[in-house]
Amino acid sequence: MIRARPAQRQQAAATGILTLYALLVLGPLVLVVVNSLRSTAAIYARPIGLPTMDGIANYAAAWSQARFSTYFVNSVLVTVASLVVGVGAATLAGYGLGRYRFAGREAVGSFFLAGLLLPAQLGVVPLFYLLRALGLIDSLAGLTLIYAAHTLPLSTFLLAGFFRQLPVELEEAARLDGARELRIFTSIMLPLVRPALMTVIVVQCAPIWNDFFYPLVMIRSNDHFTLPVGLSSFVDQYQSDYGGLFAALVIVSLPLILLFVLANRHVIAGLTAGIGK
């Protein structure tokens, strides 16, 4: 009888633990999706059961009657605009810090790093007065500027590290061929850090999409609510409609789940870049 090698036993144990963890994580998610396709009466009668075609009405009610269509569009606009502005600025800052040597570079890097040390909510009072002076209270543009600024420290820190790993010979060869700095950045450096950019986008997308604090403080009208605030309002109004609540939870969670699934390969490539160097 052939005995299993220690490495094989360890691999089997690790696989079993990870499988159990996956089931624990996916179990509640599957339960939410299934119950979102059941009526509230069916959920009361049997908390765990099979979905029915009548459950589609839960999504229709949440999307139209509870104005989740408006909240969804607001969240998409704010998230996409914040990532474009914030990650775009962080890419330029990270490239400068990672590839150029200049007086005060360490001080500038420390300034960005300091943004990771202080809780963002500490500055909500002066930030509120600043946005009010600019006329950006109850505005999606105000939320966009807040989130874009919050993405800068971590995004710049991560991208500067990736830019710093790229070989200097690439720039030297490009300069010998007559390429200017902007061409070197856009045509050579930027494509090489694409996995890192995708990693930063995914990492920064979830906090912006799920943020409840700033929309609650800075937004006044229902027309400008994002999904987390809209979900809170929906829970207060329809707390006995469990089918609708589960449908609302799926609407809020599904875009992030799809993003992580579609970008999983790029995120892993970005996180593991440079390990073998």
C-alpha atoms as a PDB file:
ATOM      1  CA  MET A   1       0.000   0.000   0.000  1.00  0.00           C
ATOM      2  CA  ILE A   2       1.422   3.358  -1.084  1.00  0.00           C
ATOM      3  CA  ARG A   3       1.310   6.011   1.597  1.00  0.00           C
ATOM      4  CA  ALA A   4       0.523   9.603   0.724  1.00  0.00           C
ATOM      5  CA  ARG A   5       3.530  11.881   0.830  1.00  0.00           C
ATOM      6  CA  PRO A   6       3.588  14.702   3.419  1.00  0.00           C
ATOM      7  CA  ALA A   7       3.385  17.309   0.650  1.00  0.00           C
ATOM      8  CA  GLN A   8       0.303  15.630  -0.811  1.00  0.00           C
ATOM      9  CA  ARG A   9      -1.341  15.449   2.604  1.00  0.00           C
ATOM     10  CA  GLN A  10      -0.635  19.113   3.203  1.00  0.00           C
ATOM     11  CA  GLN A  11      -2.043  20.009  -0.209  1.00  0.00           C
ATOM     12  CA  ALA A  12      -5.179  17.954   0.455  1.00  0.00           C
ATOM     13  CA  ALA A  13      -5.631  19.595   3.867  1.00  0.00           C
ATOM     14  CA  ALA A  14      -5.161  23.064   2.391  1.00  0.00           C
ATOM     15  CA  THR A  15      -7.656  22.279  -0.382  1.00  0.00           C
ATOM     16  CA  GLY A  16     -10.196  21.062   2.166  1.00  0.00           C
ATOM     17  CA  ILE A  17      -9.796  24.162   4.348  1.00  0.00           C
ATOM     18  CA  LEU A  18     -10.114  26.516   1.372  1.00  0.00           C
ATOM     19  CA  THR A  19     -13.166  24.621   0.093  1.00  0.00           C
ATOM     20  CA  LEU A  20     -14.830  24.884   3.504  1.00  0.00           C
ATOM     21  CA  TYR A  21     -14.028  28.596   3.665  1.00  0.00           C
ATOM     22  CA  ALA A  22     -15.455  29.129   0.168  1.00  0.00           C
ATOM     23  CA  LEU A  23     -18.679  27.378   1.170  1.00  0.00           C
ATOM     24  CA  LEU A  24     -18.962  29.537   4.303  1.00  0.00           C
ATOM     25  CA  VAL A  25     -18.474  32.693   2.251  1.00  0.00           C
ATOM     26  CA  LEU A  26     -20.679  31.729  -0.702  1.00  0.00           C
ATOM     27  CA  GLY A  27     -23.460  30.196   1.395  1.00  0.00           C
ATOM     28  CA  PRO A  28     -25.014  33.482   2.603  1.00  0.00           C
ATOM     29  CA  LEU A  29     -24.584  35.012  -0.859  1.00  0.00           C
ATOM     30  CA  VAL A  30     -26.425  32.125  -2.510  1.00  0.00           C
ATOM     31  CA  LEU A  31     -29.161  32.375   0.127  1.00  0.00           C
ATOM     32  CA  VAL A  32     -29.623  36.085  -0.608  1.00  0.00           C
ATOM     33  CA  VAL A  33     -29.846  35.476  -4.373  1.00  0.00           C
ATOM     34  CA  VAL A  34     -32.329  32.604  -3.980  1.00  0.00           C
ATOM     35  CA  ASN A  35     -34.561  34.509  -1.566  1.00  0.00           C
ATOM     36  CA  SER A  36     -34.508  37.561  -3.816  1.00  0.00           C
ATOM     37  CA  LEU A  37     -36.458  35.399  -6.283  1.00  0.00           C
ATOM     38  CA  ARG A  38     -39.121  34.414  -3.754  1.00  0.00           C
ATOM     39  CA  SER A  39     -42.118  36.279  -2.434  1.00  0.00           C
ATOM     40  CA  THR A  40     -42.166  37.607   1.110  1.00  0.00           C
ATOM     41  CA  ALA A  41     -45.011  35.219   2.008  1.00  0.00           C
ATOM     42  CA  ALA A  42     -42.946  32.245   0.806  1.00  0.00           C
ATOM     43  CA  ILE A  43     -39.938  33.414   2.831  1.00  0.00           C
ATOM     44  CA  TYR A  44     -42.105  33.696   5.956  1.00  0.00           C
ATOM     45  CA  ALA A  45     -43.523  30.219   5.376  1.00  0.00           C
ATOM     46  CA  ARG A  46     -40.182  28.578   4.584  1.00  0.00           C
ATOM     47  CA  PRO A  47     -36.966  30.625   5.029  1.00  0.00           C
ATOM     48  CA  ILE A  48     -34.977  28.231   2.855  1.00  0.00           C
ATOM     49  CA  GLY A  49     -36.614  27.193  -0.380  1.00  0.00           C
ATOM     50  CA  LEU A  50     -36.417  27.205  -4.165  1.00  0.00           C
ATOM     51  CA  PRO A  51     -36.871  30.396  -6.218  1.00  0.00           C
ATOM     52  CA  THR A  52     -40.044  31.031  -8.200  1.00  0.00           C
ATOM     53  CA  MET A  53     -40.879  33.124 -11.237  1.00  0.00           C
ATOM     54  CA  ASP A  54     -42.969  35.416  -9.040  1.00  0.00           C
ATOM     55  CA  GLY A  55     -39.757  36.635  -7.424  1.00  0.00           C
ATOM     56  CA  ILE A  56     -38.865  38.660 -10.534  1.00  0.00           C
ATOM     57  CA  ALA A  57     -41.399  41.205  -9.286  1.00  0.00           C
ATOM     58  CA  ASN A  58     -39.052  41.947  -6.370  1.00  0.00           C
ATOM     59  CA  TYR A  59     -36.432  43.302  -8.755  1.00  0.00           C
ATOM     60  CA  ALA A  60     -39.001  45.285 -10.731  1.00  0.00           C
ATOM     61  CA  ALA A  61     -40.345  46.880  -7.555  1.00  0.00           C
ATOM     62  CA  ALA A  62     -36.878  47.718  -6.193  1.00  0.00           C
ATOM     63  CA  TRP A  63     -35.690  49.057  -9.551  1.00  0.00           C
ATOM     64  CA  SER A  64     -38.658  51.301 -10.338  1.00  0.00           C
ATOM     65  CA  GLN A  65     -40.819  51.927  -7.278  1.00  0.00           C
ATOM     66  CA  ALA A  66     -37.900  52.261  -4.848  1.00  0.00           C
ATOM     67  CA  ARG A  67     -35.914  54.372  -7.386  1.00  0.00           C
ATOM     68  CA  PHE A  68     -32.940  52.036  -7.436  1.00  0.00           C
ATOM     69  CA  SER A  69     -32.515  52.840 -11.115  1.00  0.00           C
ATOM     70  CA  THR A  70     -31.671  56.453 -10.138  1.00  0.00           C
ATOM     71  CA  TYR A  71     -29.419  55.370  -7.281  1.00  0.00           C
ATOM     72  CA  PHE A  72     -27.633  52.890  -9.541  1.00  0.00           C
ATOM     73  CA  VAL A  73     -26.896  55.494 -12.214  1.00  0.00           C
ATOM     74  CA  ASN A  74     -25.641  57.931  -9.559  1.00  0.00           C
ATOM     75  CA  SER A  75     -23.309  55.312  -8.088  1.00  0.00           C
ATOM     76  CA  VAL A  76     -21.952  54.384 -11.512  1.00  0.00           C
ATOM     77  CA  LEU A  77     -21.327  58.011 -12.460  1.00  0.00           C
ATOM     78  CA  VAL A  78     -19.620  58.867  -9.166  1.00  0.00           C
ATOM     79  CA  THR A  79     -17.502  55.710  -9.085  1.00  0.00           C
ATOM     80  CA  VAL A  80     -16.328  55.895 -12.696  1.00  0.00           C
ATOM     81  CA  ALA A  81     -15.602  59.637 -12.561  1.00  0.00           C
ATOM     82  CA  SER A  82     -13.755  59.312  -9.243  1.00  0.00           C
ATOM     83  CA  LEU A  83     -11.576  56.492 -10.571  1.00  0.00           C
ATOM     84  CA  VAL A  84     -10.799  58.330 -13.805  1.00  0.00           C
ATOM     85  CA  VAL A  85      -9.775  61.510 -11.983  1.00  0.00           C
ATOM     86  CA  GLY A  86      -8.142  59.904  -8.941  1.00  0.00           C
ATOM     87  CA  VAL A  87      -6.281  57.030 -10.591  1.00  0.00           C
ATOM     88  CA  GLY A  88      -5.333  59.254 -13.526  1.00  0.00           C
ATOM     89  CA  ALA A  89      -3.708  61.787 -11.204  1.00  0.00           C
ATOM     90  CA  ALA A  90      -2.121  58.992  -9.143  1.00  0.00           C
ATOM     91  CA  THR A  91      -0.626  57.468 -12.287  1.00  0.00           C
ATOM     92  CA  LEU A  92       1.118  60.723 -13.154  1.00  0.00           C
ATOM     93  CA  ALA A  93       2.254  61.242  -9.557  1.00  0.00           C
ATOM     94  CA  GLY A  94       3.416  57.634  -9.217  1.00  0.00           C
ATOM     95  CA  TYR A  95       5.376  57.863 -12.461  1.00  0.00           C
ATOM     96  CA  GLY A  96       7.130  61.017 -11.325  1.00  0.00           C
ATOM     97  CA  LEU A  97       7.984  59.594  -7.906  1.00  0.00           C
ATOM     98  CA  GLY A  98       9.015  56.198  -9.265  1.00  0.00           C
ATOM     99  CA  ARG A  99      11.098  57.189 -12.299  1.00  0.00           C
ATOM    100  CA  TYR A 100      12.608  60.630 -11.618  1.00  0.00           C
ATOM    101  CA  ARG A 101      15.132  61.836  -9.067  1.00  0.00           C
ATOM    102  CA  PHE A 102      14.558  65.411  -7.889  1.00  0.00           C
ATOM    103  CA  ALA A 103      15.046  67.488  -4.778  1.00  0.00           C
ATOM    104  CA  GLY A 104      12.312  66.848  -2.254  1.00  0.00           C
ATOM    105  CA  ARG A 105      11.173  63.548  -3.767  1.00  0.00           C
ATOM    106  CA  GLU A 106      11.224  61.810  -0.391  1.00  0.00           C
ATOM    107  CA  ALA A 107       9.238  64.646   1.176  1.00  0.00           C
ATOM    108  CA  VAL A 108       6.595  64.428  -1.557  1.00  0.00           C
ATOM    109  CA  GLY A 109       6.407  60.663  -1.123  1.00  0.00           C
ATOM    110  CA  SER A 110       6.017  61.085   2.627  1.00  0.00           C
ATOM    111  CA  PHE A 111       3.227  63.605   2.021  1.00  0.00           C
ATOM    112  CA  PHE A 112       1.269  61.039   0.004  1.00  0.00           C
ATOM    113  CA  LEU A 113       2.051  58.345   2.556  1.00  0.00           C
ATOM    114  CA  ALA A 114       0.714  60.546   5.361  1.00  0.00           C
ATOM    115  CA  GLY A 115      -2.668  60.423   3.660  1.00  0.00           C
ATOM    116  CA  LEU A 116      -2.873  56.734   4.583  1.00  0.00           C
ATOM    117  CA  LEU A 117      -2.294  57.351   8.280  1.00  0.00           C
ATOM    118  CA  LEU A 118      -5.205  59.633   9.173  1.00  0.00           C
ATOM    119  CA  PRO A 119      -8.876  58.572   9.049  1.00  0.00           C
ATOM    120  CA  ALA A 120     -10.617  60.470   6.285  1.00  0.00           C
ATOM    121  CA  GLN A 121     -13.647  61.204   8.479  1.00  0.00           C
ATOM    122  CA  LEU A 122     -11.562  63.506  10.685  1.00  0.00           C
ATOM    123  CA  GLY A 123     -11.705  66.205   8.032  1.00  0.00           C
ATOM    124  CA  VAL A 124     -15.408  65.997   7.274  1.00  0.00           C
ATOM    125  CA  VAL A 125     -16.281  69.341   8.966  1.00  0.00           C
ATOM    126  CA  PRO A 126     -13.801  71.549   7.053  1.00  0.00           C
ATOM    127  CA  LEU A 127     -14.526  69.516   3.929  1.00  0.00           C
ATOM    128  CA  PHE A 128     -18.235  70.227   4.316  1.00  0.00           C
ATOM    129  CA  TYR A 129     -17.627  73.975   4.626  1.00  0.00           C
ATOM    130  CA  LEU A 130     -15.254  73.902   1.649  1.00  0.00           C
ATOM    131  CA  LEU A 131     -17.796  72.173  -0.583  1.00  0.00           C
ATOM    132  CA  ARG A 132     -20.518  74.523   0.606  1.00  0.00           C
ATOM    133  CA  ALA A 133     -18.365  77.521  -0.306  1.00  0.00           C
ATOM    134  CA  LEU A 134     -17.817  76.013  -3.756  1.00  0.00           C
ATOM    135  CA  GLY A 135     -21.512  75.283  -4.186  1.00  0.00           C
ATOM    136  CA  LEU A 136     -20.937  71.534  -4.391  1.00  0.00           C
ATOM    137  CA  ILE A 137     -23.118  70.365  -1.505  1.00  0.00           C
ATOM    138  CA  ASP A 138     -25.854  68.003  -2.755  1.00  0.00           C
ATOM    139  CA  SER A 139     -23.857  67.470  -5.927  1.00  0.00           C
ATOM    140  CA  LEU A 140     -22.425  64.356  -7.584  1.00  0.00           C
ATOM    141  CA  ALA A 141     -19.448  66.475  -8.633  1.00  0.00           C
ATOM    142  CA  GLY A 142     -18.666  67.180  -4.977  1.00  0.00           C
ATOM    143  CA  LEU A 143     -18.722  63.462  -4.155  1.00  0.00           C
ATOM    144  CA  THR A 144     -16.496  62.780  -7.151  1.00  0.00           C
ATOM    145  CA  LEU A 145     -13.854  65.252  -5.963  1.00  0.00           C
ATOM    146  CA  ILE A 146     -13.933  63.789  -2.435  1.00  0.00           C
ATOM    147  CA  TYR A 147     -13.460  60.213  -3.612  1.00  0.00           C
ATOM    148  CA  ALA A 148     -10.827  61.172  -6.189  1.00  0.00           C
ATOM    149  CA  ALA A 149      -8.790  62.865  -3.467  1.00  0.00           C
ATOM    150  CA  HIS A 150      -9.170  59.853  -1.190  1.00  0.00           C
ATOM    151  CA  THR A 151      -7.841  57.481  -3.842  1.00  0.00           C
ATOM    152  CA  LEU A 152      -4.643  59.482  -4.361  1.00  0.00           C
ATOM    153  CA  PRO A 153      -2.459  58.356  -1.402  1.00  0.00           C
ATOM    154  CA  LEU A 154      -2.799  54.578  -1.769  1.00  0.00           C
ATOM    155  CA  SER A 155      -2.944  54.634  -5.572  1.00  0.00           C
ATOM    156  CA  THR A 156       0.165  56.811  -5.814  1.00  0.00           C
ATOM    157  CA  PHE A 157       2.031  54.662  -3.298  1.00  0.00           C
ATOM    158  CA  LEU A 158       1.233  51.431  -5.174  1.00  0.00           C
ATOM    159  CA  LEU A 159       1.853  52.750  -8.685  1.00  0.00           C
ATOM    160  CA  ALA A 160       5.139  54.403  -7.714  1.00  0.00           C
ATOM    161  CA  GLY A 161       6.368  51.001  -6.533  1.00  0.00           C
ATOM    162  CA  PHE A 162       5.416  49.360  -9.833  1.00  0.00           C
ATOM    163  CA  PHE A 163       6.980  52.112 -11.935  1.00  0.00           C
ATOM    164  CA  ARG A 164      10.140  51.871  -9.847  1.00  0.00           C
ATOM    165  CA  GLN A 165      10.547  48.185 -10.777  1.00  0.00           C
ATOM    166  CA  LEU A 166      10.679  48.801 -14.536  1.00  0.00           C
ATOM    167  CA  PRO A 167      14.156  48.626 -16.116  1.00  0.00           C
ATOM    168  CA  VAL A 168      15.894  51.942 -16.748  1.00  0.00           C
ATOM    169  CA  GLU A 169      17.164  50.600 -20.084  1.00  0.00           C
ATOM    170  CA  LEU A 170      13.672  50.968 -21.555  1.00  0.00           C
ATOM    171  CA  GLU A 171      13.714  54.730 -21.099  1.00  0.00           C
ATOM    172  CA  GLU A 172      17.301  55.071 -22.243  1.00  0.00           C
ATOM    173  CA  ALA A 173      16.617  53.157 -25.454  1.00  0.00           C
ATOM    174  CA  ALA A 174      13.516  55.226 -26.133  1.00  0.00           C
ATOM    175  CA  ARG A 175      15.381  58.506 -25.598  1.00  0.00           C
ATOM    176  CA  LEU A 176      18.131  57.357 -27.981  1.00  0.00           C
ATOM    177  CA  ASP A 177      15.425  56.780 -30.577  1.00  0.00           C
ATOM    178  CA  GLY A 178      14.218  60.341 -30.098  1.00  0.00           C
ATOM    179  CA  ALA A 179      11.095  59.699 -28.016  1.00  0.00           C
ATOM    180  CA  ARG A 180       9.957  62.516 -25.765  1.00  0.00           C
ATOM    181  CA  GLU A 181       8.936  62.043 -22.128  1.00  0.00           C
ATOM    182  CA  LEU A 182       5.202  62.007 -22.845  1.00  0.00           C
ATOM    183  CA  ARG A 183       5.668  59.364 -25.556  1.00  0.00           C
ATOM    184  CA  ILE A 184       7.800  57.245 -23.218  1.00  0.00           C
ATOM    185  CA  PHE A 185       5.119  57.441 -20.549  1.00  0.00           C
ATOM    186  CA  THR A 186       2.101  56.688 -22.742  1.00  0.00           C
ATOM    187  CA  SER A 187       3.604  54.160 -25.184  1.00  0.00           C
ATOM    188  CA  ILE A 188       6.156  52.282 -23.081  1.00  0.00           C
ATOM    189  CA  MET A 189       5.649  52.673 -19.346  1.00  0.00           C
ATOM    190  CA  LEU A 190       1.874  52.801 -19.096  1.00  0.00           C
ATOM    191  CA  PRO A 191       1.224  49.499 -20.943  1.00  0.00           C
ATOM    192  CA  LEU A 192       3.760  47.716 -18.718  1.00  0.00           C
ATOM    193  CA  VAL A 193       1.900  48.657 -15.529  1.00  0.00           C
ATOM    194  CA  ARG A 194      -1.552  47.749 -16.857  1.00  0.00           C
ATOM    195  CA  PRO A 195      -1.973  44.886 -14.329  1.00  0.00           C
ATOM    196  CA  ALA A 196      -1.057  47.306 -11.545  1.00  0.00           C
ATOM    197  CA  LEU A 197      -3.584  49.835 -12.832  1.00  0.00           C
ATOM    198  CA  MET A 198      -6.315  47.183 -12.853  1.00  0.00           C
ATOM    199  CA  THR A 199      -5.362  46.189  -9.313  1.00  0.00           C
ATOM    200  CA  VAL A 200      -5.576  49.785  -8.119  1.00  0.00           C
ATOM    201  CA  ILE A 201      -8.924  50.303  -9.857  1.00  0.00           C
ATOM    202  CA  VAL A 202     -10.446  47.187  -8.270  1.00  0.00           C
ATOM    203  CA  VAL A 203      -9.032  48.008  -4.827  1.00  0.00           C
ATOM    204  CA  GLN A 204     -10.339  51.576  -4.958  1.00  0.00           C
ATOM    205  CA  CYS A 205     -13.682  50.748  -6.585  1.00  0.00           C
ATOM    206  CA  ALA A 206     -15.153  48.824  -3.657  1.00  0.00           C
ATOM    207  CA  PRO A 207     -14.759  51.581  -0.995  1.00  0.00           C
ATOM    208  CA  ILE A 208     -16.241  54.199  -3.336  1.00  0.00           C
ATOM    209  CA  TRP A 209     -19.161  52.011  -4.409  1.00  0.00           C
ATOM    210  CA  ASN A 210     -19.994  50.933  -0.853  1.00  0.00           C
ATOM    211  CA  ASP A 211     -19.405  54.261   0.894  1.00  0.00           C
ATOM    212  CA  PHE A 212     -22.318  55.391   3.021  1.00  0.00           C
ATOM    213  CA  PHE A 213     -20.761  58.190   5.073  1.00  0.00           C
ATOM    214  CA  TYR A 214     -20.053  60.944   2.547  1.00  0.00           C
ATOM    215  CA  PRO A 215     -23.318  60.654   0.557  1.00  0.00           C
ATOM    216  CA  LEU A 216     -25.213  60.763   3.852  1.00  0.00           C
ATOM    217  CA  VAL A 217     -23.416  63.956   4.941  1.00  0.00           C
ATOM    218  CA  MET A 218     -23.015  65.763   1.623  1.00  0.00           C
ATOM    219  CA  ILE A 219     -26.191  64.811  -0.263  1.00  0.00           C
ATOM    220  CA  ARG A 220     -29.610  66.259   0.539  1.00  0.00           C
ATOM    221  CA  SER A 221     -32.002  65.216  -2.253  1.00  0.00           C
ATOM    222  CA  ASN A 222     -33.175  61.732  -3.240  1.00  0.00           C
ATOM    223  CA  ASP A 223     -32.272  62.439  -6.855  1.00  0.00           C
ATOM    224  CA  HIS A 224     -28.572  62.442  -5.924  1.00  0.00           C
ATOM    225  CA  PHE A 225     -28.496  59.508  -3.497  1.00  0.00           C
ATOM    226  CA  THR A 226     -26.122  56.652  -4.234  1.00  0.00           C
ATOM    227  CA  LEU A 227     -26.946  52.977  -3.717  1.00  0.00           C
ATOM    228  CA  PRO A 228     -25.827  52.609  -0.047  1.00  0.00           C
ATOM    229  CA  VAL A 229     -27.933  55.571   1.096  1.00  0.00           C
ATOM    230  CA  GLY A 230     -30.800  54.482  -1.121  1.00  0.00           C
ATOM    231  CA  LEU A 231     -30.598  50.984   0.350  1.00  0.00           C
ATOM    232  CA  SER A 232     -30.772  52.405   3.869  1.00  0.00           C
ATOM    233  CA  SER A 233     -33.850  54.418   2.953  1.00  0.00           C
ATOM    234  CA  PHE A 234     -35.379  51.336   1.337  1.00  0.00           C
ATOM    235  CA  VAL A 235     -34.799  49.275   4.482  1.00  0.00           C
ATOM    236  CA  ASP A 236     -36.582  51.902   6.594  1.00  0.00           C
ATOM    237  CA  GLN A 237     -39.601  51.967   4.293  1.00  0.00           C
ATOM    238  CA  TYR A 238     -39.873  48.292   3.314  1.00  0.00           C
ATOM    239  CA  GLN A 239     -38.425  46.514   6.334  1.00  0.00           C
ATOM    240  CA  SER A 240     -41.180  43.862   6.231  1.00  0.00           C
ATOM    241  CA  ASP A 241     -40.726  43.159   2.499  1.00  0.00           C
ATOM    242  CA  TYR A 242     -37.959  40.575   2.702  1.00  0.00           C
ATOM    243  CA  GLY A 243     -38.143  39.614  -0.954  1.00  0.00           C
ATOM    244  CA  GLY A 244     -37.630  43.232  -1.976  1.00  0.00           C
ATOM    245  CA  LEU A 245     -34.807  43.680   0.534  1.00  0.00           C
ATOM    246  CA  PHE A 246     -32.937  40.673  -0.826  1.00  0.00           C
ATOM    247  CA  ALA A 247     -33.434  41.940  -4.391  1.00  0.00           C
ATOM    248  CA  ALA A 248     -32.071  45.345  -3.371  1.00  0.00           C
ATOM    249  CA  LEU A 249     -29.023  43.701  -1.801  1.00  0.00           C
ATOM    250  CA  VAL A 250     -28.334  41.803  -5.021  1.00  0.00           C
ATOM    251  CA  ILE A 251     -28.620  45.007  -7.075  1.00  0.00           C
ATOM    252  CA  VAL A 252     -26.090  46.725  -4.799  1.00  0.00           C
ATOM    253  CA  SER A 253     -23.649  43.799  -4.651  1.00  0.00           C
ATOM    254  CA  LEU A 254     -23.786  42.374  -8.183  1.00  0.00           C
ATOM    255  CA  PRO A 255     -21.667  45.030  -9.989  1.00  0.00           C
ATOM    256  CA  LEU A 256     -18.750  44.589  -7.568  1.00  0.00           C
ATOM    257  CA  ILE A 257     -18.962  40.796  -7.779  1.00  0.00           C
ATOM    258  CA  LEU A 258     -18.882  40.950 -11.581  1.00  0.00           C
ATOM    259  CA  LEU A 259     -15.953  43.374 -11.474  1.00  0.00           C
ATOM    260  CA  PHE A 260     -13.917  41.091  -9.226  1.00  0.00           C
ATOM    261  CA  VAL A 261     -14.714  38.034 -11.351  1.00  0.00           C
ATOM    262  CA  LEU A 262     -13.841  39.732 -14.646  1.00  0.00           C
ATOM    263  CA  ALA A 263     -10.705  41.448 -13.327  1.00  0.00           C
ATOM    264  CA  ASN A 264      -9.473  38.554 -11.197  1.00  0.00           C
ATOM    265  CA  ARG A 265      -6.698  37.543 -13.614  1.00  0.00           C
ATOM    266  CA  HIS A 266      -5.384  41.100 -13.920  1.00  0.00           C
ATOM    267  CA  VAL A 267      -5.513  41.635 -10.163  1.00  0.00           C
ATOM    268  CA  ILE A 268      -3.499  38.468  -9.466  1.00  0.00           C
ATOM    269  CA  ALA A 269      -0.965  39.493 -12.110  1.00  0.00           C
ATOM    270  CA  GLY A 270      -0.647  42.915 -10.523  1.00  0.00           C
ATOM    271  CA  LEU A 271      -0.302  41.594  -6.983  1.00  0.00           C
ATOM    272  CA  THR A 272       2.343  39.026  -7.963  1.00  0.00           C
ATOM    273  CA  ALA A 273       4.324  41.313 -10.261  1.00  0.00           C
ATOM    274  CA  GLY A 274       7.922  41.558  -9.213  1.00  0.00           C
ATOM    275  CA  ILE A 275       7.941  38.517  -6.899  1.00  0.00           C
ATOM    276  CA  GLY A 276      10.471  36.729  -9.024  1.00  0.00           C
ATOM    277  CA  LYS A 277      12.643  39.791  -9.580  1.00  0.00           C
END
